[in-house]
Amino acid sequence: MTVSPEDLAMLREQLGRPARGVIEVASRCPSGHPNVVKTEPRRPDGTPFPTLYYLTCPRLASEIGTLEASGLMAEMSTRLTVDDDLAAAYARAHESYLAEREAILHVPEVDGITAGGMPTRVKCLHVLVGHSLAKGPGVNPLGDETVAILGDWWTGTSCGAPVDA
């Protein structure tokens, strides 16, 4: 998915600042607005940025924040220590993420580092959901679970507009 001038304007509205290092819109909500962007592994100012898939939708980010506050991340991290199949699938998601980012640009400062706690823990559901929305089901098992828990998060909203504080 390419990035149009309209996408950049919407991203600016969503983020409250210009988007940096955007390669493409990786996922769109049902209304067509961007909700995840694929970013350069190094920001234009030279700063390393390990988050390949960055979630931009403020409503979705808010819903995910509520899940994070519920203790879901700790429960998922515990499951990784006792469920070998889940841990292996999550490790594969980590390896896939690294390979995709490396194909764009090698950044020594973040070599071997993904985001969201992969491959051994869960520290950011926003990253995992962004990864799952960008790649589709079957790549990141814990991102997929979180997307399923979120359900139709956009229902009843003017999707893509900033959240009122």
N, C-alpha and C. Protein backbone atom coordinates (compact mmCIF):
# COMPACT_ATOMS: atom_id res chain seq x y z
N MET A 1 0.85 -1.18 0.00
CA MET A 1 0.00 0.00 0.00
C MET A 1 0.89 1.24 0.00
N THR A 2 0.63 2.13 -0.89
CA THR A 2 1.45 3.33 -0.99
C THR A 2 0.97 4.39 0.00
N VAL A 3 1.72 5.48 0.08
CA VAL A 3 1.37 6.61 0.96
C VAL A 3 1.03 7.80 0.08
N SER A 4 -0.22 8.21 0.12
CA SER A 4 -0.67 9.36 -0.66
C SER A 4 -0.56 10.63 0.17
N PRO A 5 -0.65 11.79 -0.47
CA PRO A 5 -0.69 13.04 0.29
C PRO A 5 -1.86 13.05 1.30
N GLU A 6 -2.97 12.44 0.93
CA GLU A 6 -4.11 12.36 1.86
C GLU A 6 -3.77 11.49 3.06
N ASP A 7 -3.05 10.39 2.82
CA ASP A 7 -2.60 9.54 3.92
C ASP A 7 -1.69 10.32 4.87
N LEU A 8 -0.75 11.07 4.31
CA LEU A 8 0.17 11.84 5.14
C LEU A 8 -0.58 12.88 5.96
N ALA A 9 -1.61 13.50 5.37
CA ALA A 9 -2.42 14.47 6.12
C ALA A 9 -3.18 13.77 7.24
N MET A 10 -3.73 12.59 6.98
CA MET A 10 -4.45 11.85 8.01
C MET A 10 -3.48 11.39 9.10
N LEU A 11 -2.30 10.94 8.72
CA LEU A 11 -1.31 10.53 9.71
C LEU A 11 -0.93 11.70 10.61
N ARG A 12 -0.77 12.86 10.01
CA ARG A 12 -0.45 14.06 10.81
C ARG A 12 -1.57 14.34 11.80
N GLU A 13 -2.80 14.20 11.36
CA GLU A 13 -3.94 14.42 12.24
C GLU A 13 -3.98 13.37 13.35
N GLN A 14 -3.76 12.11 12.99
CA GLN A 14 -3.78 11.03 13.97
C GLN A 14 -2.68 11.19 15.01
N LEU A 15 -1.48 11.52 14.56
CA LEU A 15 -0.31 11.56 15.43
C LEU A 15 -0.12 12.91 16.13
N GLY A 16 -0.73 13.95 15.58
CA GLY A 16 -0.51 15.29 16.13
C GLY A 16 0.83 15.87 15.75
N ARG A 17 1.46 15.29 14.74
CA ARG A 17 2.76 15.72 14.23
C ARG A 17 2.96 15.08 12.87
N PRO A 18 3.91 15.57 12.08
CA PRO A 18 4.18 14.89 10.81
C PRO A 18 4.70 13.48 11.03
N ALA A 19 4.29 12.56 10.19
CA ALA A 19 4.80 11.19 10.24
C ALA A 19 6.25 11.20 9.78
N ARG A 20 7.06 10.34 10.40
CA ARG A 20 8.49 10.28 10.07
C ARG A 20 8.84 8.92 9.52
N GLY A 21 9.61 8.91 8.44
CA GLY A 21 10.17 7.67 7.92
C GLY A 21 9.15 6.65 7.44
N VAL A 22 7.99 7.10 6.99
CA VAL A 22 6.95 6.18 6.54
C VAL A 22 7.30 5.63 5.16
N ILE A 23 7.30 4.30 5.06
CA ILE A 23 7.54 3.64 3.78
C ILE A 23 6.21 3.39 3.07
N GLU A 24 5.23 2.91 3.83
CA GLU A 24 3.93 2.59 3.25
C GLU A 24 2.87 2.50 4.33
N VAL A 25 1.63 2.59 3.92
CA VAL A 25 0.52 2.28 4.82
C VAL A 25 0.41 0.76 4.80
N ALA A 26 0.58 0.15 5.97
CA ALA A 26 0.61 -1.31 6.06
C ALA A 26 -0.76 -1.90 6.37
N SER A 27 -1.66 -1.08 6.92
CA SER A 27 -3.01 -1.54 7.23
C SER A 27 -3.94 -0.33 7.29
N ARG A 28 -5.17 -0.58 6.88
CA ARG A 28 -6.19 0.46 6.92
C ARG A 28 -7.40 -0.06 7.67
N CYS A 29 -8.07 0.85 8.36
CA CYS A 29 -9.31 0.48 9.03
C CYS A 29 -10.41 0.35 7.97
N PRO A 30 -11.57 -0.14 8.35
CA PRO A 30 -12.63 -0.33 7.36
C PRO A 30 -13.05 0.94 6.62
N SER A 31 -12.82 2.11 7.23
CA SER A 31 -13.17 3.36 6.55
C SER A 31 -12.12 3.78 5.53
N GLY A 32 -11.00 3.08 5.51
CA GLY A 32 -9.94 3.40 4.56
C GLY A 32 -8.81 4.23 5.12
N HIS A 33 -8.94 4.71 6.36
CA HIS A 33 -7.87 5.49 6.97
C HIS A 33 -6.70 4.58 7.36
N PRO A 34 -5.49 5.11 7.33
CA PRO A 34 -4.36 4.32 7.81
C PRO A 34 -4.54 3.99 9.30
N ASN A 35 -4.17 2.78 9.69
CA ASN A 35 -4.09 2.49 11.12
C ASN A 35 -2.74 1.90 11.52
N VAL A 36 -1.95 1.47 10.54
CA VAL A 36 -0.58 1.01 10.78
C VAL A 36 0.27 1.43 9.59
N VAL A 37 1.45 1.97 9.91
CA VAL A 37 2.40 2.30 8.84
C VAL A 37 3.67 1.46 9.01
N LYS A 38 4.28 1.18 7.90
CA LYS A 38 5.59 0.53 7.89
C LYS A 38 6.62 1.66 7.85
N THR A 39 7.61 1.60 8.75
CA THR A 39 8.55 2.70 8.88
C THR A 39 9.98 2.27 8.60
N GLU A 40 10.79 3.24 8.26
CA GLU A 40 12.22 3.03 8.07
C GLU A 40 12.85 2.62 9.40
N PRO A 41 13.82 1.73 9.39
CA PRO A 41 14.48 1.33 10.64
C PRO A 41 15.40 2.41 11.21
N ARG A 42 15.63 3.45 10.46
CA ARG A 42 16.39 4.60 10.95
C ARG A 42 15.59 5.84 10.56
N ARG A 43 15.29 6.66 11.56
CA ARG A 43 14.53 7.88 11.29
C ARG A 43 15.34 8.83 10.44
N PRO A 44 14.68 9.77 9.79
CA PRO A 44 15.41 10.73 8.94
C PRO A 44 16.52 11.48 9.67
N ASP A 45 16.40 11.66 11.00
CA ASP A 45 17.44 12.36 11.76
C ASP A 45 18.59 11.44 12.16
N GLY A 46 18.51 10.15 11.77
CA GLY A 46 19.58 9.19 12.06
C GLY A 46 19.32 8.31 13.27
N THR A 47 18.27 8.58 14.03
CA THR A 47 17.95 7.80 15.21
C THR A 47 17.48 6.40 14.82
N PRO A 48 18.04 5.34 15.42
CA PRO A 48 17.53 3.99 15.15
C PRO A 48 16.08 3.87 15.61
N PHE A 49 15.28 3.16 14.85
CA PHE A 49 13.87 2.99 15.20
C PHE A 49 13.49 1.54 14.92
N PRO A 50 13.46 0.68 15.97
CA PRO A 50 13.24 -0.75 15.75
C PRO A 50 11.80 -1.12 15.39
N THR A 51 10.84 -0.22 15.60
CA THR A 51 9.44 -0.54 15.37
C THR A 51 9.12 -0.44 13.88
N LEU A 52 9.09 -1.57 13.23
CA LEU A 52 8.84 -1.62 11.79
C LEU A 52 7.39 -1.27 11.47
N TYR A 53 6.45 -1.76 12.29
CA TYR A 53 5.03 -1.49 12.08
C TYR A 53 4.52 -0.63 13.22
N TYR A 54 4.18 0.62 12.90
CA TYR A 54 3.81 1.60 13.90
C TYR A 54 2.31 1.87 13.81
N LEU A 55 1.63 1.64 14.92
CA LEU A 55 0.19 1.84 14.98
C LEU A 55 -0.11 3.34 15.08
N THR A 56 -0.98 3.86 14.24
CA THR A 56 -1.23 5.30 14.18
C THR A 56 -2.62 5.73 14.64
N CYS A 57 -3.57 4.83 14.64
CA CYS A 57 -4.95 5.20 14.95
C CYS A 57 -5.11 5.46 16.45
N PRO A 58 -5.49 6.67 16.85
CA PRO A 58 -5.60 6.96 18.28
C PRO A 58 -6.71 6.18 18.98
N ARG A 59 -7.79 5.91 18.30
CA ARG A 59 -8.86 5.12 18.93
C ARG A 59 -8.41 3.69 19.19
N LEU A 60 -7.76 3.11 18.20
CA LEU A 60 -7.24 1.76 18.36
C LEU A 60 -6.18 1.73 19.45
N ALA A 61 -5.30 2.73 19.46
CA ALA A 61 -4.27 2.80 20.50
C ALA A 61 -4.90 2.88 21.89
N SER A 62 -5.97 3.63 22.01
CA SER A 62 -6.66 3.74 23.30
C SER A 62 -7.25 2.40 23.74
N GLU A 63 -7.88 1.71 22.80
CA GLU A 63 -8.45 0.39 23.12
C GLU A 63 -7.36 -0.59 23.56
N ILE A 64 -6.23 -0.54 22.88
CA ILE A 64 -5.11 -1.41 23.23
C ILE A 64 -4.55 -1.03 24.60
N GLY A 65 -4.47 0.25 24.88
CA GLY A 65 -4.01 0.71 26.18
C GLY A 65 -4.87 0.16 27.31
N THR A 66 -6.17 0.09 27.08
CA THR A 66 -7.08 -0.48 28.08
C THR A 66 -6.75 -1.95 28.31
N LEU A 67 -6.47 -2.68 27.23
CA LEU A 67 -6.09 -4.09 27.38
C LEU A 67 -4.76 -4.22 28.12
N GLU A 68 -3.81 -3.35 27.82
CA GLU A 68 -2.53 -3.40 28.52
C GLU A 68 -2.73 -3.20 30.03
N ALA A 69 -3.59 -2.27 30.38
CA ALA A 69 -3.85 -1.97 31.80
C ALA A 69 -4.57 -3.13 32.51
N SER A 70 -5.18 -4.01 31.74
CA SER A 70 -5.94 -5.13 32.33
C SER A 70 -5.06 -6.27 32.83
N GLY A 71 -3.78 -6.24 32.49
CA GLY A 71 -2.89 -7.33 32.88
C GLY A 71 -2.69 -8.37 31.79
N LEU A 72 -3.23 -8.12 30.61
CA LEU A 72 -3.13 -9.09 29.53
C LEU A 72 -1.68 -9.39 29.15
N MET A 73 -0.82 -8.38 29.16
CA MET A 73 0.58 -8.61 28.76
C MET A 73 1.27 -9.59 29.71
N ALA A 74 1.04 -9.45 31.01
CA ALA A 74 1.66 -10.36 31.98
C ALA A 74 1.15 -11.77 31.78
N GLU A 75 -0.14 -11.90 31.52
CA GLU A 75 -0.73 -13.24 31.29
C GLU A 75 -0.12 -13.86 30.04
N MET A 76 0.03 -13.08 28.98
CA MET A 76 0.63 -13.60 27.75
C MET A 76 2.09 -13.98 27.96
N SER A 77 2.83 -13.15 28.69
CA SER A 77 4.23 -13.45 28.98
C SER A 77 4.37 -14.75 29.76
N THR A 78 3.49 -14.97 30.71
CA THR A 78 3.50 -16.22 31.47
C THR A 78 3.22 -17.40 30.56
N ARG A 79 2.25 -17.26 29.67
CA ARG A 79 1.93 -18.35 28.74
C ARG A 79 3.13 -18.71 27.87
N LEU A 80 3.95 -17.73 27.52
CA LEU A 80 5.14 -18.02 26.72
C LEU A 80 6.11 -18.94 27.44
N THR A 81 6.09 -18.92 28.76
CA THR A 81 7.01 -19.75 29.53
C THR A 81 6.52 -21.18 29.71
N VAL A 82 5.25 -21.43 29.44
CA VAL A 82 4.69 -22.77 29.69
C VAL A 82 4.12 -23.43 28.43
N ASP A 83 3.95 -22.68 27.36
CA ASP A 83 3.37 -23.21 26.13
C ASP A 83 4.44 -23.19 25.04
N ASP A 84 5.07 -24.34 24.83
CA ASP A 84 6.18 -24.42 23.87
C ASP A 84 5.75 -24.07 22.45
N ASP A 85 4.55 -24.47 22.05
CA ASP A 85 4.08 -24.17 20.70
C ASP A 85 3.88 -22.66 20.52
N LEU A 86 3.29 -22.03 21.51
CA LEU A 86 3.10 -20.57 21.46
C LEU A 86 4.45 -19.87 21.42
N ALA A 87 5.36 -20.30 22.27
CA ALA A 87 6.69 -19.68 22.32
C ALA A 87 7.41 -19.84 20.97
N ALA A 88 7.27 -20.98 20.34
CA ALA A 88 7.92 -21.21 19.03
C ALA A 88 7.29 -20.33 17.96
N ALA A 89 5.98 -20.21 17.97
CA ALA A 89 5.30 -19.35 16.98
C ALA A 89 5.68 -17.88 17.18
N TYR A 90 5.78 -17.47 18.43
CA TYR A 90 6.16 -16.09 18.75
C TYR A 90 7.61 -15.83 18.33
N ALA A 91 8.47 -16.82 18.52
CA ALA A 91 9.86 -16.70 18.08
C ALA A 91 9.94 -16.58 16.56
N ARG A 92 9.08 -17.33 15.86
CA ARG A 92 9.04 -17.21 14.39
C ARG A 92 8.59 -15.81 13.97
N ALA A 93 7.63 -15.24 14.69
CA ALA A 93 7.19 -13.86 14.40
C ALA A 93 8.36 -12.90 14.58
N HIS A 94 9.12 -13.08 15.62
CA HIS A 94 10.32 -12.27 15.89
C HIS A 94 11.30 -12.36 14.72
N GLU A 95 11.60 -13.59 14.29
CA GLU A 95 12.56 -13.80 13.20
C GLU A 95 12.05 -13.18 11.89
N SER A 96 10.77 -13.31 11.62
CA SER A 96 10.17 -12.74 10.42
C SER A 96 10.28 -11.21 10.45
N TYR A 97 9.98 -10.64 11.60
CA TYR A 97 10.05 -9.19 11.78
C TYR A 97 11.48 -8.70 11.52
N LEU A 98 12.45 -9.39 12.14
CA LEU A 98 13.85 -9.01 11.95
C LEU A 98 14.27 -9.09 10.49
N ALA A 99 13.90 -10.17 9.82
CA ALA A 99 14.29 -10.36 8.42
C ALA A 99 13.69 -9.27 7.53
N GLU A 100 12.44 -8.94 7.79
CA GLU A 100 11.79 -7.92 6.97
C GLU A 100 12.43 -6.55 7.18
N ARG A 101 12.74 -6.22 8.43
CA ARG A 101 13.38 -4.93 8.71
C ARG A 101 14.79 -4.90 8.12
N GLU A 102 15.52 -5.98 8.28
CA GLU A 102 16.89 -6.06 7.76
C GLU A 102 16.92 -5.90 6.24
N ALA A 103 15.89 -6.40 5.56
CA ALA A 103 15.81 -6.28 4.10
C ALA A 103 15.68 -4.81 3.67
N ILE A 104 15.18 -3.98 4.55
CA ILE A 104 15.05 -2.55 4.25
C ILE A 104 16.38 -1.85 4.48
N LEU A 105 16.97 -2.10 5.67
CA LEU A 105 18.22 -1.42 6.04
C LEU A 105 18.81 -2.11 7.26
N HIS A 106 20.10 -2.33 7.23
CA HIS A 106 20.79 -2.85 8.41
C HIS A 106 21.11 -1.68 9.34
N VAL A 107 20.64 -1.78 10.58
CA VAL A 107 20.91 -0.76 11.59
C VAL A 107 21.57 -1.48 12.77
N PRO A 108 22.88 -1.37 12.91
CA PRO A 108 23.60 -2.13 13.94
C PRO A 108 23.06 -1.91 15.35
N GLU A 109 22.60 -0.71 15.64
CA GLU A 109 22.14 -0.41 17.00
C GLU A 109 20.91 -1.22 17.41
N VAL A 110 20.15 -1.71 16.45
CA VAL A 110 18.94 -2.49 16.77
C VAL A 110 19.02 -3.91 16.22
N ASP A 111 20.22 -4.32 15.85
CA ASP A 111 20.40 -5.67 15.31
C ASP A 111 19.92 -6.70 16.33
N GLY A 112 19.03 -7.57 15.91
CA GLY A 112 18.51 -8.62 16.78
C GLY A 112 17.39 -8.19 17.70
N ILE A 113 17.06 -6.92 17.68
CA ILE A 113 15.99 -6.39 18.54
C ILE A 113 14.76 -6.13 17.70
N THR A 114 13.65 -6.73 18.09
CA THR A 114 12.40 -6.40 17.41
C THR A 114 11.72 -5.34 18.25
N ALA A 115 10.50 -5.58 18.62
CA ALA A 115 9.75 -4.63 19.42
C ALA A 115 8.64 -5.40 20.11
N GLY A 116 8.06 -4.79 21.10
CA GLY A 116 6.94 -5.42 21.78
C GLY A 116 7.31 -6.52 22.74
N GLY A 117 8.63 -6.75 22.93
CA GLY A 117 9.08 -7.80 23.84
C GLY A 117 9.46 -9.09 23.15
N MET A 118 9.20 -9.18 21.84
CA MET A 118 9.54 -10.42 21.14
C MET A 118 11.02 -10.71 21.33
N PRO A 119 11.44 -11.93 21.45
CA PRO A 119 10.69 -13.17 21.35
C PRO A 119 10.31 -13.82 22.68
N THR A 120 10.68 -13.21 23.83
CA THR A 120 10.51 -13.94 25.09
C THR A 120 9.45 -13.38 26.02
N ARG A 121 8.95 -12.19 25.75
CA ARG A 121 7.94 -11.60 26.64
C ARG A 121 7.03 -10.67 25.85
N VAL A 122 6.04 -10.15 26.51
CA VAL A 122 5.12 -9.19 25.87
C VAL A 122 5.23 -7.90 26.66
N LYS A 123 5.70 -6.85 26.01
CA LYS A 123 5.83 -5.57 26.70
C LYS A 123 5.07 -4.44 26.00
N CYS A 124 4.51 -4.69 24.82
CA CYS A 124 3.75 -3.65 24.12
C CYS A 124 2.77 -4.29 23.14
N LEU A 125 1.50 -4.27 23.51
CA LEU A 125 0.48 -4.83 22.62
C LEU A 125 0.30 -3.99 21.37
N HIS A 126 0.59 -2.70 21.44
CA HIS A 126 0.46 -1.84 20.27
C HIS A 126 1.31 -2.36 19.12
N VAL A 127 2.53 -2.74 19.43
CA VAL A 127 3.45 -3.26 18.41
C VAL A 127 2.95 -4.59 17.87
N LEU A 128 2.48 -5.46 18.75
CA LEU A 128 2.02 -6.77 18.31
C LEU A 128 0.78 -6.66 17.44
N VAL A 129 -0.15 -5.79 17.81
CA VAL A 129 -1.34 -5.56 16.99
C VAL A 129 -0.94 -4.95 15.65
N GLY A 130 -0.04 -3.98 15.67
CA GLY A 130 0.43 -3.38 14.41
C GLY A 130 1.02 -4.43 13.49
N HIS A 131 1.82 -5.33 14.06
CA HIS A 131 2.42 -6.41 13.27
C HIS A 131 1.35 -7.31 12.67
N SER A 132 0.38 -7.69 13.50
CA SER A 132 -0.68 -8.57 13.01
C SER A 132 -1.56 -7.91 11.96
N LEU A 133 -1.91 -6.66 12.18
CA LEU A 133 -2.74 -5.97 11.18
C LEU A 133 -1.99 -5.79 9.86
N ALA A 134 -0.70 -5.53 9.94
CA ALA A 134 0.10 -5.34 8.73
C ALA A 134 0.30 -6.64 7.96
N LYS A 135 0.58 -7.72 8.67
CA LYS A 135 0.93 -8.97 8.01
C LYS A 135 -0.25 -9.91 7.81
N GLY A 136 -1.33 -9.70 8.56
CA GLY A 136 -2.47 -10.59 8.48
C GLY A 136 -2.33 -11.73 9.47
N PRO A 137 -3.41 -12.48 9.65
CA PRO A 137 -3.42 -13.57 10.63
C PRO A 137 -2.38 -14.65 10.31
N GLY A 138 -1.87 -15.26 11.38
CA GLY A 138 -0.97 -16.39 11.22
C GLY A 138 0.50 -16.06 11.34
N VAL A 139 0.86 -14.79 11.50
CA VAL A 139 2.27 -14.43 11.62
C VAL A 139 2.66 -14.20 13.07
N ASN A 140 1.88 -13.40 13.79
CA ASN A 140 2.19 -13.09 15.18
C ASN A 140 1.03 -13.59 16.06
N PRO A 141 1.22 -14.71 16.74
CA PRO A 141 0.08 -15.32 17.45
C PRO A 141 -0.50 -14.44 18.56
N LEU A 142 0.34 -13.73 19.28
CA LEU A 142 -0.19 -12.90 20.36
C LEU A 142 -0.79 -11.60 19.83
N GLY A 143 -0.27 -11.11 18.73
CA GLY A 143 -0.92 -9.99 18.05
C GLY A 143 -2.28 -10.39 17.52
N ASP A 144 -2.35 -11.59 16.94
CA ASP A 144 -3.63 -12.09 16.43
C ASP A 144 -4.65 -12.25 17.56
N GLU A 145 -4.20 -12.77 18.70
CA GLU A 145 -5.11 -12.91 19.85
C GLU A 145 -5.65 -11.57 20.29
N THR A 146 -4.78 -10.58 20.32
CA THR A 146 -5.19 -9.25 20.76
C THR A 146 -6.16 -8.63 19.76
N VAL A 147 -5.91 -8.79 18.48
CA VAL A 147 -6.84 -8.30 17.46
C VAL A 147 -8.22 -8.94 17.66
N ALA A 148 -8.23 -10.24 17.94
CA ALA A 148 -9.51 -10.94 18.16
C ALA A 148 -10.22 -10.39 19.40
N ILE A 149 -9.48 -10.12 20.46
CA ILE A 149 -10.07 -9.56 21.68
C ILE A 149 -10.65 -8.18 21.40
N LEU A 150 -9.97 -7.39 20.59
CA LEU A 150 -10.44 -6.04 20.27
C LEU A 150 -11.75 -6.07 19.50
N GLY A 151 -11.96 -7.11 18.70
CA GLY A 151 -13.19 -7.21 17.92
C GLY A 151 -13.34 -6.04 16.95
N ASP A 152 -14.55 -5.60 16.76
CA ASP A 152 -14.85 -4.49 15.83
C ASP A 152 -14.71 -3.16 16.57
N TRP A 153 -13.49 -2.82 16.94
CA TRP A 153 -13.20 -1.64 17.75
C TRP A 153 -13.66 -0.33 17.11
N TRP A 154 -13.79 -0.31 15.81
CA TRP A 154 -14.16 0.92 15.10
C TRP A 154 -15.67 1.17 15.06
N THR A 155 -16.46 0.18 15.40
CA THR A 155 -17.92 0.30 15.32
C THR A 155 -18.40 1.47 16.16
N GLY A 156 -19.26 2.30 15.55
CA GLY A 156 -19.83 3.43 16.27
C GLY A 156 -18.91 4.62 16.38
N THR A 157 -17.82 4.63 15.62
CA THR A 157 -16.89 5.77 15.68
C THR A 157 -16.79 6.40 14.30
N SER A 158 -16.27 7.60 14.27
CA SER A 158 -15.89 8.21 12.98
C SER A 158 -14.44 7.86 12.78
N CYS A 159 -14.19 6.62 12.43
CA CYS A 159 -12.88 6.03 12.36
C CYS A 159 -11.88 6.95 11.65
N GLY A 160 -10.75 7.08 12.27
CA GLY A 160 -9.65 7.84 11.68
C GLY A 160 -9.51 9.23 12.26
N ALA A 161 -10.52 9.73 12.96
CA ALA A 161 -10.41 11.04 13.57
C ALA A 161 -9.70 10.92 14.91
N PRO A 162 -9.03 11.99 15.34
CA PRO A 162 -8.34 11.91 16.63
C PRO A 162 -9.30 11.70 17.79
N VAL A 163 -8.80 11.05 18.82
CA VAL A 163 -9.60 10.85 20.04
C VAL A 163 -9.68 12.18 20.77
N ASP A 164 -10.86 12.53 21.22
CA ASP A 164 -11.00 13.74 22.04
C ASP A 164 -10.44 13.47 23.41
N ALA A 165 -9.59 14.36 23.87
CA ALA A 165 -8.96 14.16 25.19
C ALA A 165 -9.85 14.69 26.30
